[in-house]
N, C-alpha and C. Protein backbone atom coordinates (compact mmCIF):
# COMPACT_ATOMS: atom_id res chain seq x y z
N MET A 1 163.79 97.07 201.75
CA MET A 1 164.56 97.10 202.97
C MET A 1 166.05 97.13 202.63
N ARG A 2 166.40 96.40 201.60
CA ARG A 2 167.81 96.33 201.21
C ARG A 2 168.35 97.72 200.87
N LEU A 3 167.51 98.53 200.20
CA LEU A 3 167.91 99.89 199.85
C LEU A 3 168.18 100.71 201.11
N PHE A 4 167.33 100.57 202.13
CA PHE A 4 167.54 101.27 203.39
C PHE A 4 168.88 100.87 204.02
N GLU A 5 169.17 99.57 203.96
CA GLU A 5 170.42 99.08 204.53
C GLU A 5 171.63 99.66 203.80
N ILE A 6 171.55 99.71 202.49
CA ILE A 6 172.67 100.26 201.70
C ILE A 6 172.83 101.75 202.00
N GLU A 7 171.73 102.49 202.00
CA GLU A 7 171.78 103.94 202.21
C GLU A 7 172.28 104.31 203.61
N SER A 8 171.94 103.49 204.60
CA SER A 8 172.32 103.84 205.97
C SER A 8 173.65 103.23 206.40
N GLY A 9 174.25 102.42 205.57
CA GLY A 9 175.55 101.85 205.90
C GLY A 9 175.48 100.53 206.62
N GLY A 10 174.36 99.83 206.53
CA GLY A 10 174.23 98.51 207.14
C GLY A 10 172.90 98.36 207.86
N PRO A 11 172.47 97.10 208.06
CA PRO A 11 171.17 96.86 208.70
C PRO A 11 171.07 97.40 210.12
N GLU A 12 172.22 97.47 210.80
CA GLU A 12 172.20 97.96 212.19
C GLU A 12 171.91 99.46 212.26
N ASN A 13 172.05 100.17 211.15
CA ASN A 13 171.83 101.63 211.14
C ASN A 13 170.47 102.05 210.59
N VAL A 14 169.64 101.10 210.19
CA VAL A 14 168.35 101.44 209.57
C VAL A 14 167.39 102.05 210.59
N GLY A 15 167.33 101.52 211.75
CA GLY A 15 166.44 102.08 212.78
C GLY A 15 165.08 101.42 212.86
N CYS A 16 164.82 100.46 211.97
CA CYS A 16 163.57 99.71 212.04
C CYS A 16 163.78 98.38 211.33
N THR A 17 162.82 97.49 211.51
CA THR A 17 162.91 96.18 210.87
C THR A 17 161.96 96.13 209.68
N GLU A 18 162.15 95.12 208.86
CA GLU A 18 161.25 94.94 207.71
C GLU A 18 159.82 94.70 208.20
N ARG A 19 159.68 94.00 209.29
CA ARG A 19 158.34 93.74 209.86
C ARG A 19 157.67 95.06 210.26
N TYR A 20 158.43 95.98 210.82
CA TYR A 20 157.88 97.29 211.21
C TYR A 20 157.34 98.01 209.97
N ILE A 21 158.09 97.96 208.89
CA ILE A 21 157.66 98.62 207.65
C ILE A 21 156.39 97.97 207.11
N ARG A 22 156.33 96.64 207.11
CA ARG A 22 155.12 95.93 206.63
C ARG A 22 153.91 96.28 207.51
N ASN A 23 154.10 96.35 208.80
CA ASN A 23 152.99 96.72 209.70
C ASN A 23 152.53 98.14 209.43
N TYR A 24 153.46 99.04 209.17
CA TYR A 24 153.12 100.42 208.88
C TYR A 24 152.33 100.52 207.56
N GLU A 25 152.75 99.75 206.55
CA GLU A 25 152.02 99.71 205.28
C GLU A 25 150.59 99.25 205.49
N LYS A 26 150.40 98.21 206.31
CA LYS A 26 149.05 97.71 206.61
C LYS A 26 148.23 98.77 207.31
N THR A 27 148.83 99.49 208.25
CA THR A 27 148.13 100.56 208.95
C THR A 27 147.67 101.64 207.97
N LEU A 28 148.53 102.02 207.04
CA LEU A 28 148.16 103.02 206.03
C LEU A 28 147.03 102.52 205.15
N ARG A 29 147.10 101.25 204.71
CA ARG A 29 146.02 100.68 203.89
C ARG A 29 144.70 100.70 204.64
N ASP A 30 144.74 100.34 205.93
CA ASP A 30 143.52 100.33 206.73
C ASP A 30 142.95 101.73 206.90
N GLU A 31 143.81 102.74 207.05
CA GLU A 31 143.34 104.12 207.21
C GLU A 31 142.64 104.61 205.95
N TYR A 32 143.13 104.22 204.79
CA TYR A 32 142.57 104.70 203.53
C TYR A 32 141.49 103.79 202.97
N LYS A 33 141.24 102.68 203.64
CA LYS A 33 140.23 101.75 203.18
C LYS A 33 138.86 102.43 203.18
N GLY A 34 138.13 102.28 202.11
CA GLY A 34 136.79 102.83 202.06
C GLY A 34 136.69 104.21 201.45
N ILE A 35 137.82 104.87 201.18
CA ILE A 35 137.72 106.20 200.58
C ILE A 35 138.09 106.19 199.10
N ASP A 36 138.46 105.04 198.56
CA ASP A 36 138.84 104.97 197.16
C ASP A 36 137.68 105.34 196.25
N ALA A 37 136.49 104.83 196.53
CA ALA A 37 135.32 105.16 195.70
C ALA A 37 135.01 106.64 195.80
N ASP A 38 135.08 107.20 196.99
CA ASP A 38 134.84 108.64 197.16
C ASP A 38 135.86 109.46 196.37
N THR A 39 137.10 109.02 196.36
CA THR A 39 138.15 109.71 195.62
C THR A 39 137.86 109.66 194.12
N LEU A 40 137.43 108.50 193.62
CA LEU A 40 137.10 108.36 192.21
C LEU A 40 135.93 109.28 191.84
N ILE A 41 134.90 109.28 192.66
CA ILE A 41 133.73 110.13 192.40
C ILE A 41 134.12 111.60 192.42
N ASP A 42 134.88 112.01 193.42
CA ASP A 42 135.34 113.40 193.50
C ASP A 42 136.17 113.79 192.28
N PHE A 43 137.02 112.87 191.84
CA PHE A 43 137.85 113.14 190.66
C PHE A 43 136.97 113.42 189.44
N PHE A 44 136.01 112.54 189.19
CA PHE A 44 135.18 112.72 188.00
C PHE A 44 134.26 113.94 188.12
N LEU A 45 133.80 114.26 189.31
CA LEU A 45 132.99 115.47 189.47
C LEU A 45 133.81 116.72 189.20
N THR A 46 135.06 116.71 189.64
CA THR A 46 135.97 117.83 189.36
C THR A 46 136.24 117.94 187.86
N GLU A 47 136.48 116.80 187.22
CA GLU A 47 136.74 116.80 185.78
C GLU A 47 135.51 117.25 184.99
N LYS A 48 134.32 116.87 185.49
CA LYS A 48 133.08 117.26 184.82
C LYS A 48 132.89 118.78 184.90
N ASP A 49 133.33 119.39 186.00
CA ASP A 49 133.29 120.85 186.11
C ASP A 49 134.18 121.51 185.07
N LYS A 50 135.30 120.85 184.74
CA LYS A 50 136.23 121.39 183.75
C LYS A 50 135.72 121.20 182.32
N SER A 51 135.02 120.09 182.09
CA SER A 51 134.55 119.76 180.74
C SER A 51 133.12 119.24 180.83
N SER A 52 132.19 120.03 180.35
CA SER A 52 130.77 119.65 180.44
C SER A 52 130.44 118.44 179.57
N THR A 53 131.32 118.08 178.63
CA THR A 53 131.04 116.94 177.77
C THR A 53 131.53 115.61 178.35
N LEU A 54 132.20 115.65 179.49
CA LEU A 54 132.56 114.41 180.16
C LEU A 54 131.29 113.80 180.74
N PHE A 55 131.10 112.51 180.52
CA PHE A 55 129.95 111.83 181.11
C PHE A 55 130.45 110.88 182.18
N PHE A 56 129.81 110.94 183.34
CA PHE A 56 130.14 110.06 184.45
C PHE A 56 128.88 109.79 185.25
N ASP A 57 128.64 108.53 185.56
CA ASP A 57 127.52 108.17 186.42
C ASP A 57 127.93 106.96 187.24
N TYR A 58 127.31 106.81 188.40
CA TYR A 58 127.63 105.68 189.26
C TYR A 58 126.40 105.32 190.07
N GLU A 59 126.46 104.16 190.69
CA GLU A 59 125.39 103.69 191.57
C GLU A 59 125.99 103.11 192.84
N THR A 60 125.23 103.23 193.90
CA THR A 60 125.58 102.60 195.17
C THR A 60 124.44 101.67 195.56
N ASP A 61 124.73 100.73 196.45
CA ASP A 61 123.69 99.82 196.92
C ASP A 61 122.98 100.41 198.14
N SER A 62 122.11 99.63 198.76
CA SER A 62 121.33 100.12 199.91
C SER A 62 122.21 100.45 201.11
N ASP A 63 123.42 99.90 201.17
CA ASP A 63 124.36 100.22 202.25
C ASP A 63 125.32 101.34 201.85
N ASN A 64 125.01 102.02 200.74
CA ASN A 64 125.81 103.12 200.22
C ASN A 64 127.22 102.67 199.78
N ARG A 65 127.34 101.41 199.38
CA ARG A 65 128.60 100.90 198.83
C ARG A 65 128.60 101.10 197.32
N PHE A 66 129.71 101.49 196.80
CA PHE A 66 129.92 101.72 195.37
C PHE A 66 129.78 100.40 194.63
N ILE A 67 128.86 100.32 193.66
CA ILE A 67 128.69 99.04 192.96
C ILE A 67 128.98 99.10 191.47
N GLN A 68 128.85 100.27 190.86
CA GLN A 68 129.16 100.36 189.44
C GLN A 68 129.29 101.80 189.01
N CYS A 69 130.06 102.00 187.96
CA CYS A 69 130.20 103.33 187.40
C CYS A 69 130.53 103.22 185.92
N PHE A 70 130.30 104.32 185.23
CA PHE A 70 130.61 104.41 183.81
C PHE A 70 131.11 105.81 183.53
N TRP A 71 132.10 105.94 182.64
CA TRP A 71 132.55 107.25 182.22
C TRP A 71 132.98 107.22 180.76
N ALA A 72 132.82 108.38 180.13
CA ALA A 72 133.29 108.57 178.76
C ALA A 72 133.76 110.01 178.64
N ASP A 73 134.99 110.19 178.24
CA ASP A 73 135.52 111.54 178.10
C ASP A 73 135.14 112.12 176.74
N PRO A 74 135.37 113.42 176.54
CA PRO A 74 134.97 114.06 175.28
C PRO A 74 135.61 113.43 174.04
N ILE A 75 136.86 113.01 174.14
CA ILE A 75 137.53 112.40 172.99
C ILE A 75 136.88 111.07 172.65
N SER A 76 136.54 110.28 173.66
CA SER A 76 135.87 109.00 173.43
C SER A 76 134.50 109.22 172.80
N SER A 77 133.79 110.24 173.26
CA SER A 77 132.46 110.53 172.70
C SER A 77 132.56 110.93 171.23
N ARG A 78 133.54 111.75 170.90
CA ARG A 78 133.74 112.14 169.49
C ARG A 78 134.12 110.93 168.65
N ALA A 79 134.96 110.06 169.19
CA ALA A 79 135.37 108.86 168.45
C ALA A 79 134.16 107.97 168.19
N TYR A 80 133.27 107.86 169.16
CA TYR A 80 132.07 107.04 168.97
C TYR A 80 131.19 107.63 167.88
N THR A 81 131.06 108.95 167.84
CA THR A 81 130.26 109.60 166.80
C THR A 81 130.81 109.27 165.41
N ALA A 82 132.13 109.26 165.27
CA ALA A 82 132.76 108.99 163.99
C ALA A 82 132.89 107.51 163.66
N LEU A 83 133.11 106.68 164.68
CA LEU A 83 133.46 105.27 164.44
C LEU A 83 132.54 104.27 165.13
N GLY A 84 131.39 104.70 165.58
CA GLY A 84 130.55 103.84 166.41
C GLY A 84 129.67 102.85 165.69
N ASP A 85 130.05 102.47 164.46
CA ASP A 85 129.22 101.51 163.73
C ASP A 85 129.35 100.09 164.29
N VAL A 86 130.49 99.77 164.88
CA VAL A 86 130.71 98.46 165.50
C VAL A 86 131.29 98.70 166.88
N VAL A 87 130.65 98.16 167.90
CA VAL A 87 131.10 98.37 169.27
C VAL A 87 131.18 97.02 169.98
N VAL A 88 132.26 96.81 170.70
CA VAL A 88 132.44 95.59 171.48
C VAL A 88 132.32 95.95 172.96
N PHE A 89 131.49 95.22 173.67
CA PHE A 89 131.32 95.36 175.11
C PHE A 89 132.17 94.28 175.74
N ASP A 90 133.28 94.67 176.37
CA ASP A 90 134.28 93.71 176.83
C ASP A 90 134.36 93.69 178.35
N THR A 91 134.09 92.53 178.93
CA THR A 91 134.21 92.37 180.39
C THR A 91 135.25 91.30 180.73
N THR A 92 136.15 91.03 179.81
CA THR A 92 137.10 89.94 180.03
C THR A 92 138.34 90.34 180.81
N TYR A 93 138.52 91.63 181.06
CA TYR A 93 139.69 92.05 181.82
C TYR A 93 139.56 91.58 183.25
N ASN A 94 140.66 91.28 183.88
CA ASN A 94 140.64 90.78 185.26
C ASN A 94 140.01 91.78 186.22
N THR A 95 139.54 91.27 187.34
CA THR A 95 139.02 92.14 188.38
C THR A 95 140.18 92.79 189.11
N ASN A 96 139.89 93.89 189.80
CA ASN A 96 140.92 94.57 190.57
C ASN A 96 140.87 94.10 192.02
N LYS A 97 141.61 94.74 192.90
CA LYS A 97 141.69 94.27 194.29
C LYS A 97 140.37 94.42 195.03
N TYR A 98 139.42 95.17 194.46
CA TYR A 98 138.10 95.33 195.08
C TYR A 98 137.11 94.31 194.53
N GLY A 99 137.55 93.47 193.64
CA GLY A 99 136.67 92.46 193.06
C GLY A 99 135.75 93.04 192.00
N MET A 100 136.04 94.24 191.52
CA MET A 100 135.20 94.87 190.51
C MET A 100 135.75 94.55 189.12
N ILE A 101 134.84 94.39 188.18
CA ILE A 101 135.18 94.03 186.82
C ILE A 101 135.36 95.30 186.00
N PHE A 102 136.48 95.41 185.30
CA PHE A 102 136.73 96.55 184.43
C PHE A 102 136.04 96.28 183.10
N VAL A 103 135.23 97.22 182.64
CA VAL A 103 134.42 97.05 181.44
C VAL A 103 134.78 98.14 180.44
N THR A 104 134.87 97.76 179.17
CA THR A 104 135.13 98.75 178.13
C THR A 104 134.17 98.59 176.97
N PHE A 105 133.89 99.70 176.31
CA PHE A 105 133.25 99.71 175.00
C PHE A 105 134.34 100.12 174.03
N VAL A 106 134.70 99.23 173.12
CA VAL A 106 135.82 99.50 172.22
C VAL A 106 135.47 99.13 170.78
N ARG A 107 136.30 99.61 169.89
CA ARG A 107 136.25 99.26 168.48
C ARG A 107 137.69 99.26 167.98
N VAL A 108 137.97 98.43 167.00
CA VAL A 108 139.28 98.44 166.36
C VAL A 108 139.12 99.19 165.04
N ASN A 109 139.96 100.21 164.84
CA ASN A 109 139.85 101.00 163.61
C ASN A 109 140.61 100.34 162.46
N HIS A 110 140.63 101.00 161.31
CA HIS A 110 141.28 100.45 160.13
C HIS A 110 142.81 100.40 160.23
N HIS A 111 143.37 100.98 161.29
CA HIS A 111 144.81 100.88 161.56
C HIS A 111 145.11 99.81 162.61
N HIS A 112 144.11 99.02 162.94
CA HIS A 112 144.22 97.96 163.95
C HIS A 112 144.53 98.52 165.33
N GLN A 113 144.02 99.71 165.61
CA GLN A 113 144.18 100.34 166.93
C GLN A 113 142.86 100.25 167.68
N ALA A 114 142.95 99.94 168.96
CA ALA A 114 141.75 99.90 169.79
C ALA A 114 141.33 101.34 170.12
N ILE A 115 140.08 101.65 169.87
CA ILE A 115 139.52 102.96 170.19
C ILE A 115 138.54 102.74 171.34
N VAL A 116 138.79 103.37 172.47
CA VAL A 116 137.93 103.21 173.65
C VAL A 116 136.84 104.29 173.60
N PHE A 117 135.59 103.85 173.67
CA PHE A 117 134.45 104.76 173.66
C PHE A 117 133.97 105.10 175.07
N GLY A 118 134.19 104.23 176.00
CA GLY A 118 133.78 104.45 177.38
C GLY A 118 134.20 103.25 178.21
N CYS A 119 134.24 103.42 179.52
CA CYS A 119 134.61 102.31 180.39
C CYS A 119 134.08 102.53 181.80
N GLY A 120 134.28 101.54 182.63
CA GLY A 120 133.81 101.64 184.01
C GLY A 120 134.08 100.38 184.79
N PHE A 121 133.40 100.28 185.91
CA PHE A 121 133.53 99.13 186.81
C PHE A 121 132.17 98.58 187.15
N LEU A 122 132.09 97.27 187.24
CA LEU A 122 130.89 96.57 187.71
C LEU A 122 131.27 95.71 188.90
N SER A 123 130.38 95.62 189.87
CA SER A 123 130.70 94.81 191.04
C SER A 123 130.27 93.35 190.88
N ASN A 124 129.45 93.08 189.87
CA ASN A 124 129.00 91.71 189.65
C ASN A 124 128.62 91.52 188.19
N GLU A 125 128.30 90.29 187.84
CA GLU A 125 127.91 89.98 186.47
C GLU A 125 126.44 89.58 186.41
N LYS A 126 125.63 90.23 187.20
CA LYS A 126 124.18 89.97 187.19
C LYS A 126 123.53 90.72 186.03
N ALA A 127 122.36 90.27 185.66
CA ALA A 127 121.64 90.87 184.53
C ALA A 127 121.41 92.37 184.73
N ASP A 128 121.08 92.79 185.95
CA ASP A 128 120.84 94.21 186.21
C ASP A 128 122.04 95.07 185.84
N SER A 129 123.24 94.58 186.15
CA SER A 129 124.46 95.31 185.83
C SER A 129 124.65 95.41 184.32
N PHE A 130 124.34 94.32 183.64
CA PHE A 130 124.53 94.31 182.19
C PHE A 130 123.44 95.10 181.47
N VAL A 131 122.37 95.45 182.15
CA VAL A 131 121.37 96.37 181.59
C VAL A 131 121.76 97.81 181.90
N TRP A 132 122.19 98.06 183.13
CA TRP A 132 122.55 99.43 183.56
C TRP A 132 123.68 100.00 182.72
N PHE A 133 124.72 99.21 182.56
CA PHE A 133 125.94 99.71 181.92
C PHE A 133 125.71 100.15 180.47
N PRO A 134 125.15 99.29 179.61
CA PRO A 134 124.92 99.73 178.22
C PRO A 134 123.92 100.90 178.14
N ASN A 135 122.99 100.99 179.05
CA ASN A 135 122.06 102.14 179.05
C ASN A 135 122.80 103.43 179.32
N LYS A 136 123.82 103.40 180.15
CA LYS A 136 124.62 104.60 180.41
C LYS A 136 125.45 104.95 179.19
N PHE A 137 125.88 103.92 178.46
CA PHE A 137 126.66 104.16 177.24
C PHE A 137 125.80 104.85 176.21
């Protein structure tokens, strides 16, 4: 808001209040709510059309809600072929605003660099999720 005030020559010239802007942001969030998973799926399907070696899979629940996904790009797949003797399944990263857990399959190479073999999101830490995800890997 301060930037608007500076650019317009004072708060009286802005034409709206900070509350108006916050309400508008909430309206935009509400309009786009529920399409994030569709956007992610569309993105990976488009990328898969560009590269047949990209792997992407996902699952929805009985209410058609997005519950988990996994992806591995061609570079990650090649890295796994060359360096896949030791793999760490890491679910310690924080959840995102949707409450989904970010999961990675990684290895540290001889240069102490993390090499990502694949990653995805899980909606819970139930046994079924921990069976599904490594099977996709």
